[in-house]
Amino acid sequence: MADLRFYDRLGPLSLNQIAALTSAAISDSGRGATEVLGVSSLETAQIGTLAYVDSANMLKQVAPTSLEGVVVITRPELSADLRALGAITLDHNSPRAAMSLAINGLFKLRRFEPGPMIDASAEIHETACLAPGVVIGGDVQIGADVYLDSGVSIGPGCHIGAGSRIG
């Protein structure tokens, strides 16, 4: 699932909308109104999530017993195997590229508004160095001798260990 500290949810999207975004074919056209709420790996897939399978090896490594209600973008030649496990498939010759397009329809990178960029609850060691434009969320702990480069965003609740360099 996308980390909602850093992404805004745009969805849900129906299978018809995902098919239009990605040029994928829905295996069961009667399921076009089915909604997808998020994304996941095949290992953690649940009803209402979107995953992808790009190769037979990828499917064998996971060996799921059931994918009932999970939407999977896959190559046409793998579609029948996934449907046998209960998945709803979207067939595409380049599943990884199609997944990327679908994700862009479901989520967008969160933009932080200008203004105070460090939450008042953040604990920042006095030797830490933060470049201009760094965004620090609530309840963050930043250790000694940490360097955060310009444009880095640290989400709420993160702990950055001493001597770390990000950016």
Foldseek 3Di string as FASTA:
>chain_A
DDDVLWKDFQDFDFQLRLCVQQVWAWPDVVRRRQTAQEEDDPLPFDARYEYEDEDPVSCVVNVDQANANYEYEYAPVCVVVNVVRRYTYTHDNGRVVSVVRVVVNTIDTDDDDDDDQADPQEAEDPQEAEEPQEHEEHPEYEDHCEYEYHPHYHGHPYYHDHPHYYD
